[in-house]
Amino acid sequence: MQSPQPIPAQHETDDGDATGRKNMQQLIQLRWIAVLGQIGTILLVRYGFDISLPMAFMLAVLAGLIGFNLLSMLRLRWSRRDVSNGELFLALLVDVAMLTMQLYASGGATNPFIFLYLLQVVLAAVLLEAWSTWTILLVTAGCFVWLEFAGLPLVMPPDYERGPLSLYIQGMLICFVLNAVLLVIFISRITRNRRERDARLADLRQRAAEGEHIVRMGLLASGAAHELGTPLATLSVILGDWRHMPVFKSDPDLLDEITEMQTQVLRCKSIVSGILLSAGEARGESSEETTVHAFLDELVEEWRATRPVTGFDYHNAFGEDMDIVSDSALKQSLCNVLDNALEASRDWVGLQVSRDGESLILTVLDRGPGFSEDMLGRIGRPYQSTKGRPGSGLGLFLVVNVARTLGGNLTARNRPHKGAEVTLTLPLSAITLEEEHGERA
């Protein structure tokens, strides 16, 4: 059995691109690592190597770093808007200032951990705009120069000749490893955030293109409906006159054919009226109050009466009935799915209705050849069809977009033995009367 191929819906609207928020979260995590690292380093140098340090000053700087990190966390919790370049720039400036104060109190430019400035510059190059990055570079360079003159010296033995046993060499090794590990971890995460952002933008561009395509089709359909109105009305009048002509009234076969022609003309007029109504009126204004069972029963009865279907199984297991609004777009969508199933399986089509929590589940089954692997991956895109006709493949494309508008989705898969299964899932909140009244209020 093929796994269902979902066409996801956009259930919620983001406040914008969330990449900035994710990048700020990465800086917050990095800052907590810096806090723990500084605490460990200060304790090790002071009590492990018995090197005198201005503990009060360094702990005060550390407390300031913790306070700033807590404020950054509150900013993300209280505000849902994305983090701007200016906010990220300010955060990195604070990090540079805190690092400078700690280096000032622990040897200045002679401290091997001064190369942590490179971490700030690389993060700025990845996270910030060009002007901000160059500013961070100039600031860190200025801090380096300032520390050469103003840094408080550390009383350490000149042991460079000891090579790997030298405290300075060991400090440089630790600084290098720390820089490398943090850069690998956080640049990998930041790159992943950017890839996710690019994927979201690509999806938005695709949906915008599909929306433009739908608008063009809507304009064409509306224009065609207006053009078809007059000839259909003329045909209806002519067929009405023919029914009363003696030459046709005396021939039962011709009279039956005229009756069938009138039925099909009325159906065409109904379709044209529906197109014009959908194009010219808002959803709430063209909808009617009904119930789930009444809406589906009426739809099924109308569909069976107007299609040459041999076998049709309709099973409604929705449960307790509830009031909804009958939307013409939803009705047309379900008919499109049923029509596709009928074209693939002339002998039998099935419709199953169920409820899953607060969702309406509509499943259409057939006994046709099913979907190819390639088609399963492209269902819902325009002009993707196995019919081989110009312009075909728009049915499921329109259904998917109607489902997205209502907050639902569409999935498709092949049945275990033969045929296909297409499932339309819709949130009941999108079609209930309470929701509709809420929209009008």
Protein backbone atom coordinates (compact mmCIF):
# COMPACT_ATOMS: atom_id res chain seq x y z
CA MET A 1 0.00 0.00 0.00
CA GLN A 2 1.24 3.46 -0.85
CA SER A 3 1.56 5.88 2.03
CA PRO A 4 -0.81 8.87 1.77
CA GLN A 5 0.59 11.92 0.07
CA PRO A 6 -0.69 14.96 1.98
CA ILE A 7 -1.22 18.40 0.60
CA PRO A 8 -0.71 20.43 3.78
CA ALA A 9 -2.70 23.48 4.63
CA GLN A 10 -1.52 26.71 6.14
CA HIS A 11 -3.33 26.45 9.47
CA GLU A 12 -1.84 29.56 11.00
CA THR A 13 -0.31 32.76 9.77
CA ASP A 14 3.20 33.53 10.94
CA ASP A 15 4.01 37.04 12.11
CA GLY A 16 6.77 37.08 9.53
CA ASP A 17 9.94 35.20 8.86
CA ALA A 18 10.90 33.49 12.16
CA THR A 19 14.58 33.08 11.24
CA GLY A 20 15.58 36.05 13.40
CA ARG A 21 13.87 34.55 16.45
CA LYS A 22 15.65 31.24 15.91
CA ASN A 23 18.98 33.00 15.54
CA MET A 24 18.38 34.94 18.77
CA GLN A 25 17.63 31.63 20.50
CA GLN A 26 20.98 30.33 19.28
CA LEU A 27 22.74 33.40 20.75
CA ILE A 28 20.93 32.88 24.05
CA GLN A 29 22.10 29.27 24.20
CA LEU A 30 25.63 30.35 23.30
CA ARG A 31 25.53 32.95 26.07
CA TRP A 32 24.54 30.34 28.67
CA ILE A 33 27.48 28.21 27.52
CA ALA A 34 29.70 31.29 27.89
CA VAL A 35 28.40 31.86 31.44
CA LEU A 36 29.16 28.28 32.46
CA GLY A 37 32.56 28.42 30.73
CA GLN A 38 33.51 31.66 32.45
CA ILE A 39 32.49 30.36 35.86
CA GLY A 40 34.56 27.22 35.36
CA THR A 41 37.56 29.12 33.99
CA ILE A 42 37.54 31.73 36.79
CA LEU A 43 37.37 29.06 39.49
CA LEU A 44 40.08 26.96 37.84
CA VAL A 45 42.50 29.87 37.37
CA ARG A 46 41.90 31.30 40.84
CA TYR A 47 41.85 28.15 42.92
CA GLY A 48 43.44 25.57 40.63
CA PHE A 49 46.45 27.59 39.47
CA ASP A 50 46.40 30.03 42.43
CA ILE A 51 46.50 33.07 40.15
CA SER A 52 45.12 36.26 41.65
CA LEU A 53 42.03 37.66 39.90
CA PRO A 54 39.69 40.61 40.65
CA MET A 55 36.89 38.21 41.59
CA ALA A 56 34.31 40.86 42.56
CA PHE A 57 34.64 42.71 39.26
CA MET A 58 34.57 39.54 37.11
CA LEU A 59 31.57 38.11 38.97
CA ALA A 60 29.73 41.45 38.55
CA VAL A 61 30.35 41.31 34.78
CA LEU A 62 29.12 37.72 34.81
CA ALA A 63 25.95 38.77 36.66
CA GLY A 64 25.37 41.45 34.04
CA LEU A 65 25.69 38.87 31.27
CA ILE A 66 23.18 36.60 33.02
CA GLY A 67 20.75 39.51 33.45
CA PHE A 68 21.01 40.48 29.78
CA ASN A 69 20.39 36.88 28.74
CA LEU A 70 17.27 36.71 30.93
CA LEU A 71 15.99 39.93 29.31
CA SER A 72 16.61 38.41 25.87
CA MET A 73 14.56 35.36 26.84
CA LEU A 74 11.71 37.55 28.11
CA ARG A 75 11.80 39.50 24.83
CA LEU A 76 11.22 36.30 22.88
CA ARG A 77 8.48 35.16 25.25
CA TRP A 78 6.52 38.42 25.41
CA SER A 79 6.77 39.53 21.77
CA ARG A 80 5.76 37.31 18.85
CA ARG A 81 7.27 39.58 16.19
CA ASP A 82 10.49 38.53 14.52
CA VAL A 83 13.88 39.69 15.77
CA SER A 84 15.34 42.48 13.63
CA ASN A 85 18.91 42.92 12.46
CA GLY A 86 19.28 45.79 14.92
CA GLU A 87 18.36 43.59 17.87
CA LEU A 88 20.85 40.89 16.84
CA PHE A 89 23.49 43.60 16.33
CA LEU A 90 22.85 44.98 19.83
CA ALA A 91 23.04 41.49 21.33
CA LEU A 92 26.43 40.84 19.74
CA LEU A 93 27.69 44.27 20.86
CA VAL A 94 26.74 43.37 24.44
CA ASP A 95 28.56 40.04 24.11
CA VAL A 96 31.67 41.83 22.82
CA ALA A 97 31.49 44.35 25.70
CA MET A 98 31.14 41.61 28.34
CA LEU A 99 34.03 39.61 26.84
CA THR A 100 36.16 42.78 26.77
CA MET A 101 35.48 43.47 30.47
CA GLN A 102 36.45 39.92 31.44
CA LEU A 103 39.63 40.09 29.36
CA TYR A 104 40.43 43.52 30.82
CA ALA A 105 40.39 41.99 34.32
CA SER A 106 42.41 38.92 33.37
CA GLY A 107 45.49 39.98 31.44
CA GLY A 108 44.14 42.06 28.57
CA ALA A 109 45.68 41.23 25.20
CA THR A 110 47.99 38.66 26.80
CA ASN A 111 45.04 36.46 27.77
CA PRO A 112 44.92 33.51 25.31
CA PHE A 113 41.12 33.67 25.30
CA ILE A 114 41.27 37.00 23.45
CA PHE A 115 40.81 35.03 20.24
CA LEU A 116 37.17 34.50 21.27
CA TYR A 117 36.69 37.81 19.46
CA LEU A 118 36.91 35.78 16.25
CA LEU A 119 33.79 33.88 17.31
CA GLN A 120 31.87 37.16 17.60
CA VAL A 121 33.08 38.35 14.18
CA VAL A 122 32.14 35.07 12.46
CA LEU A 123 28.68 35.04 14.09
CA ALA A 124 28.17 38.63 12.93
CA ALA A 125 29.15 37.67 9.38
CA VAL A 126 26.57 34.88 9.41
CA LEU A 127 23.72 36.63 11.23
CA LEU A 128 23.91 40.33 10.39
CA GLU A 129 23.70 42.66 7.44
CA ALA A 130 26.94 43.86 5.87
CA TRP A 131 27.17 47.22 7.68
CA SER A 132 26.54 45.54 11.03
CA THR A 133 29.21 42.91 10.40
CA TRP A 134 31.85 45.51 9.53
CA THR A 135 30.89 47.49 12.63
CA ILE A 136 31.37 44.42 14.85
CA LEU A 137 34.76 43.83 13.18
CA LEU A 138 35.87 47.41 13.87
CA VAL A 139 34.59 47.27 17.45
CA THR A 140 36.41 44.01 18.24
CA ALA A 141 39.61 45.32 16.64
CA GLY A 142 39.31 48.48 18.71
CA CYS A 143 38.75 46.48 21.88
CA PHE A 144 41.84 44.38 21.10
CA VAL A 145 43.97 47.52 20.71
CA TRP A 146 42.50 49.04 23.88
CA LEU A 147 43.28 45.87 25.86
CA GLU A 148 46.93 46.07 24.74
CA PHE A 149 47.27 49.28 26.77
CA ALA A 150 44.59 49.06 29.46
CA GLY A 151 44.40 45.38 30.41
CA LEU A 152 45.23 44.47 34.00
CA PRO A 153 48.28 42.16 33.93
CA LEU A 154 48.20 38.66 35.37
CA VAL A 155 51.03 37.44 37.56
CA MET A 156 52.03 34.32 35.60
CA PRO A 157 55.42 32.60 35.29
CA PRO A 158 57.16 33.09 31.89
CA ASP A 159 57.05 29.42 30.96
CA TYR A 160 56.84 29.50 27.14
CA GLU A 161 59.92 27.27 26.94
CA ARG A 162 57.88 24.44 28.51
CA GLY A 163 55.99 23.99 25.23
CA PRO A 164 52.81 21.96 25.74
CA LEU A 165 53.16 22.32 29.51
CA SER A 166 53.07 26.10 29.30
CA LEU A 167 49.89 27.61 30.79
CA TYR A 168 49.69 30.11 27.95
CA ILE A 169 50.00 27.40 25.27
CA GLN A 170 47.38 25.30 27.05
CA GLY A 171 45.07 28.34 27.21
CA MET A 172 45.49 28.94 23.48
CA LEU A 173 44.70 25.27 22.78
CA ILE A 174 41.55 25.45 24.89
CA CYS A 175 40.54 28.70 23.16
CA PHE A 176 41.07 27.17 19.71
CA VAL A 177 39.07 24.03 20.52
CA LEU A 178 36.30 26.11 22.11
CA ASN A 179 36.10 28.44 19.11
CA ALA A 180 36.07 25.55 16.64
CA VAL A 181 33.41 23.50 18.48
CA LEU A 182 31.07 26.46 19.00
CA LEU A 183 31.43 27.58 15.39
CA VAL A 184 30.67 24.12 14.04
CA ILE A 185 27.61 23.70 16.30
CA PHE A 186 26.05 27.11 15.94
CA ILE A 187 26.86 27.84 12.31
CA SER A 188 25.36 24.44 11.45
CA ARG A 189 22.18 25.41 13.31
CA ILE A 190 22.07 28.88 11.77
CA THR A 191 22.57 27.40 8.30
CA ARG A 192 19.71 25.00 8.97
CA ASN A 193 17.50 27.95 9.99
CA ARG A 194 18.33 29.68 6.72
CA ARG A 195 17.53 26.57 4.71
CA GLU A 196 14.16 26.34 6.47
CA ARG A 197 13.54 30.02 5.70
CA ASP A 198 14.42 29.50 2.05
CA ALA A 199 12.07 26.51 1.91
CA ARG A 200 9.24 28.61 3.41
CA LEU A 201 9.87 31.40 0.92
CA ALA A 202 9.87 28.93 -1.96
CA ASP A 203 6.55 27.52 -0.73
CA LEU A 204 5.07 31.02 -0.44
CA ARG A 205 6.21 31.86 -3.96
CA GLN A 206 4.65 28.63 -5.23
CA ARG A 207 1.37 29.41 -3.51
CA ALA A 208 1.41 32.96 -4.84
CA ALA A 209 1.89 31.61 -8.36
CA GLU A 210 -0.95 29.14 -7.83
CA GLY A 211 -3.17 31.91 -6.48
CA GLU A 212 -2.45 34.03 -9.56
CA HIS A 213 -3.24 31.02 -11.72
CA ILE A 214 -6.57 30.55 -9.94
CA VAL A 215 -7.44 34.22 -10.41
CA ARG A 216 -6.78 33.94 -14.15
CA MET A 217 -8.91 30.82 -14.38
CA GLY A 218 -11.65 32.51 -12.37
CA LEU A 219 -11.69 35.47 -14.75
CA LEU A 220 -11.82 33.16 -17.75
CA ALA A 221 -14.59 31.06 -16.18
CA SER A 222 -16.60 34.15 -15.28
CA GLY A 223 -16.25 35.55 -18.80
CA ALA A 224 -17.20 32.20 -20.34
CA ALA A 225 -20.21 31.95 -18.04
CA HIS A 226 -21.45 35.36 -19.15
CA GLU A 227 -20.98 34.42 -22.80
CA LEU A 228 -22.77 31.07 -22.37
CA GLY A 229 -25.80 32.59 -20.63
CA THR A 230 -27.49 33.86 -23.80
CA PRO A 231 -27.10 30.72 -25.99
CA LEU A 232 -28.25 28.49 -23.13
CA ALA A 233 -31.33 30.63 -22.61
CA THR A 234 -32.03 30.46 -26.35
CA LEU A 235 -31.68 26.67 -26.36
CA SER A 236 -34.02 26.42 -23.37
CA VAL A 237 -36.70 28.46 -25.17
CA ILE A 238 -36.34 26.45 -28.40
CA LEU A 239 -36.56 23.11 -26.58
CA GLY A 240 -39.64 24.36 -24.69
CA ASP A 241 -41.30 25.24 -28.01
CA TRP A 242 -40.38 21.87 -29.52
CA ARG A 243 -42.09 20.01 -26.66
CA HIS A 244 -45.40 21.56 -27.75
CA MET A 245 -45.01 20.95 -31.46
CA PRO A 246 -47.26 18.15 -32.81
CA VAL A 247 -44.40 16.50 -34.74
CA PHE A 248 -42.49 15.91 -31.51
CA LYS A 249 -45.48 15.26 -29.22
CA SER A 250 -46.56 12.41 -31.45
CA ASP A 251 -43.18 10.67 -31.25
CA PRO A 252 -42.46 9.42 -27.67
CA ASP A 253 -38.77 8.73 -28.46
CA LEU A 254 -38.17 12.26 -29.74
CA LEU A 255 -40.08 13.67 -26.78
CA ASP A 256 -37.87 11.73 -24.36
CA GLU A 257 -34.77 13.00 -26.09
CA ILE A 258 -36.03 16.58 -25.91
CA THR A 259 -36.75 16.10 -22.21
CA GLU A 260 -33.21 14.81 -21.67
CA MET A 261 -31.80 17.75 -23.63
CA GLN A 262 -33.81 20.16 -21.47
CA THR A 263 -32.44 18.48 -18.35
CA GLN A 264 -28.85 18.88 -19.55
CA VAL A 265 -29.44 22.50 -20.58
CA LEU A 266 -30.85 23.23 -17.11
CA ARG A 267 -27.78 21.59 -15.59
CA CYS A 268 -25.52 23.79 -17.75
CA LYS A 269 -27.46 26.88 -16.69
CA SER A 270 -27.11 25.84 -13.05
CA ILE A 271 -23.35 25.44 -13.45
CA VAL A 272 -23.08 28.82 -15.17
CA SER A 273 -25.15 30.46 -12.41
CA GLY A 274 -22.91 28.87 -9.78
CA ILE A 275 -19.79 30.22 -11.49
CA LEU A 276 -21.23 33.73 -11.65
CA LEU A 277 -22.41 33.53 -8.05
CA SER A 278 -19.01 32.37 -6.81
CA ALA A 279 -17.24 35.07 -8.82
CA GLY A 280 -19.48 37.90 -7.70
CA GLU A 281 -20.47 37.23 -4.09
CA ALA A 282 -18.64 36.64 -0.85
CA ARG A 283 -18.79 33.26 0.77
CA GLY A 284 -21.14 34.08 3.61
CA GLU A 285 -23.57 35.85 1.26
CA SER A 286 -23.96 32.96 -1.20
CA SER A 287 -24.11 30.17 1.38
CA GLU A 288 -27.19 28.54 2.83
CA GLU A 289 -27.86 27.18 6.28
CA THR A 290 -28.16 23.41 6.35
CA THR A 291 -26.79 20.39 8.23
CA VAL A 292 -23.99 17.96 7.51
CA HIS A 293 -26.34 15.09 6.64
CA ALA A 294 -28.71 17.23 4.55
CA PHE A 295 -25.83 18.83 2.64
CA LEU A 296 -24.14 15.52 1.81
CA ASP A 297 -27.39 13.64 1.06
CA GLU A 298 -28.51 16.37 -1.35
CA LEU A 299 -25.09 16.48 -3.00
CA VAL A 300 -25.00 12.71 -3.47
CA GLU A 301 -28.55 12.61 -4.85
CA GLU A 302 -27.80 15.37 -7.36
CA TRP A 303 -24.48 13.81 -8.39
CA ARG A 304 -25.98 10.35 -8.96
CA ALA A 305 -28.84 11.79 -10.98
CA THR A 306 -26.56 13.70 -13.36
CA ARG A 307 -23.71 11.20 -13.85
CA PRO A 308 -23.69 7.87 -15.68
CA VAL A 309 -22.58 5.92 -12.62
CA THR A 310 -23.33 2.17 -12.50
CA GLY A 311 -22.43 1.33 -8.91
CA PHE A 312 -22.22 3.90 -6.13
CA ASP A 313 -21.78 3.17 -2.41
CA TYR A 314 -22.49 6.02 -0.02
CA HIS A 315 -21.78 5.42 3.67
CA ASN A 316 -22.34 8.26 6.13
CA ALA A 317 -20.83 7.56 9.56
CA PHE A 318 -20.54 11.20 10.65
CA GLY A 319 -22.66 10.63 13.74
CA GLU A 320 -24.79 13.29 15.40
CA ASP A 321 -25.90 15.90 12.89
CA MET A 322 -24.84 19.54 13.22
CA ASP A 323 -25.68 22.85 11.57
CA ILE A 324 -23.31 24.10 8.87
CA VAL A 325 -23.28 26.44 5.90
CA SER A 326 -23.37 24.83 2.45
CA ASP A 327 -20.60 26.45 0.44
CA SER A 328 -20.74 26.21 -3.36
CA ALA A 329 -16.94 25.87 -3.56
CA LEU A 330 -16.97 22.92 -1.15
CA LYS A 331 -19.80 21.28 -3.07
CA GLN A 332 -17.98 21.70 -6.37
CA SER A 333 -14.76 20.38 -4.84
CA LEU A 334 -16.34 17.15 -3.67
CA CYS A 335 -18.06 16.73 -7.05
CA ASN A 336 -14.67 17.18 -8.76
CA VAL A 337 -13.17 14.37 -6.69
CA LEU A 338 -16.17 12.12 -7.43
CA ASP A 339 -15.95 12.96 -11.15
CA ASN A 340 -12.26 12.02 -11.22
CA ALA A 341 -13.05 8.72 -9.52
CA LEU A 342 -15.86 8.05 -12.01
CA GLU A 343 -13.56 8.66 -14.98
CA ALA A 344 -11.08 6.16 -13.58
CA SER A 345 -13.70 3.61 -12.51
CA ARG A 346 -16.93 3.57 -14.53
CA ASP A 347 -18.30 0.51 -12.74
CA TRP A 348 -18.03 1.60 -9.11
CA VAL A 349 -17.38 4.67 -6.94
CA GLY A 350 -17.60 4.94 -3.17
CA LEU A 351 -18.01 7.85 -0.76
CA GLN A 352 -17.38 7.44 2.96
CA VAL A 353 -18.13 10.18 5.48
CA SER A 354 -16.80 10.17 9.03
CA ARG A 355 -15.81 12.46 11.85
CA ASP A 356 -12.44 12.62 13.62
CA GLY A 357 -12.70 14.95 16.60
CA GLU A 358 -13.38 18.40 15.16
CA SER A 359 -12.74 17.39 11.54
CA LEU A 360 -15.02 16.23 8.74
CA ILE A 361 -13.47 13.35 6.77
CA LEU A 362 -14.66 12.76 3.18
CA THR A 363 -13.11 9.73 1.47
CA VAL A 364 -13.72 8.92 -2.21
CA LEU A 365 -12.85 5.40 -3.42
CA ASP A 366 -12.64 3.82 -6.85
CA ARG A 367 -11.56 0.56 -8.53
CA GLY A 368 -9.53 2.12 -11.33
CA PRO A 369 -5.82 1.71 -12.12
CA GLY A 370 -4.77 3.99 -9.25
CA PHE A 371 -2.07 6.66 -9.21
CA SER A 372 1.45 6.19 -10.47
CA GLU A 373 4.33 6.86 -8.08
CA ASP A 374 5.15 10.03 -9.98
CA MET A 375 1.57 11.28 -9.81
CA LEU A 376 1.30 10.65 -6.06
CA GLY A 377 4.17 13.06 -5.51
CA ARG A 378 2.60 15.78 -7.70
CA ILE A 379 -1.07 15.61 -6.77
CA GLY A 380 -2.50 19.07 -6.24
CA ARG A 381 -0.29 20.80 -8.78
CA PRO A 382 -1.93 22.28 -11.89
CA TYR A 383 -1.99 20.27 -15.10
CA GLN A 384 -0.87 17.03 -13.42
CA SER A 385 -3.13 14.34 -14.87
CA THR A 386 -3.09 10.85 -16.35
CA LYS A 387 -5.83 11.69 -18.87
CA GLY A 388 -3.45 13.04 -21.51
CA ARG A 389 -5.80 15.85 -22.56
CA PRO A 390 -4.78 19.50 -22.91
CA GLY A 391 -5.91 21.50 -19.88
CA SER A 392 -6.67 18.46 -17.76
CA GLY A 393 -5.40 18.06 -14.22
CA LEU A 394 -7.06 21.16 -12.76
CA GLY A 395 -9.73 19.34 -10.71
CA LEU A 396 -7.60 18.25 -7.75
CA PHE A 397 -5.57 21.47 -8.01
CA LEU A 398 -8.72 23.49 -7.33
CA VAL A 399 -9.84 21.06 -4.61
CA VAL A 400 -6.50 21.42 -2.82
CA ASN A 401 -6.74 25.21 -2.87
CA VAL A 402 -10.31 25.17 -1.57
CA ALA A 403 -9.17 22.84 1.23
CA ARG A 404 -6.30 25.20 2.08
CA THR A 405 -8.67 28.15 2.18
CA LEU A 406 -10.88 26.31 4.68
CA GLY A 407 -7.88 25.15 6.74
CA GLY A 408 -8.01 21.50 5.65
CA ASN A 409 -5.94 19.22 3.47
CA LEU A 410 -6.15 16.51 0.85
CA THR A 411 -4.35 13.15 0.82
CA ALA A 412 -4.19 10.49 -1.87
CA ARG A 413 -2.99 6.90 -1.96
CA ASN A 414 -3.50 3.65 -3.83
CA ARG A 415 -5.69 0.97 -2.28
CA PRO A 416 -4.09 -2.39 -1.40
CA HIS A 417 -5.56 -4.41 -4.28
CA LYS A 418 -6.95 -2.06 -6.91
CA GLY A 419 -8.07 1.53 -7.19
CA ALA A 420 -7.32 4.79 -5.46
CA GLU A 421 -8.42 6.61 -2.33
CA VAL A 422 -8.63 10.39 -2.01
CA THR A 423 -9.41 11.88 1.41
CA LEU A 424 -10.55 15.44 2.02
CA THR A 425 -10.18 16.58 5.65
CA LEU A 426 -11.88 19.81 6.73
CA PRO A 427 -12.08 21.45 10.17
CA LEU A 428 -15.70 21.72 11.27
CA SER A 429 -15.00 25.21 12.61
CA ALA A 430 -14.60 26.41 9.00
CA ILE A 431 -18.11 25.38 7.95
CA THR A 432 -20.20 25.64 11.12
CA LEU A 433 -22.76 28.38 11.61
CA GLU A 434 -20.97 29.70 14.70
CA GLU A 435 -17.85 30.40 12.67
CA GLU A 436 -19.85 32.06 9.93
CA HIS A 437 -21.67 34.29 12.38
CA GLY A 438 -18.37 35.18 13.97
CA GLU A 439 -17.04 36.29 10.59
CA ARG A 440 -20.03 38.56 9.99
CA ALA A 441 -19.91 40.15 13.42
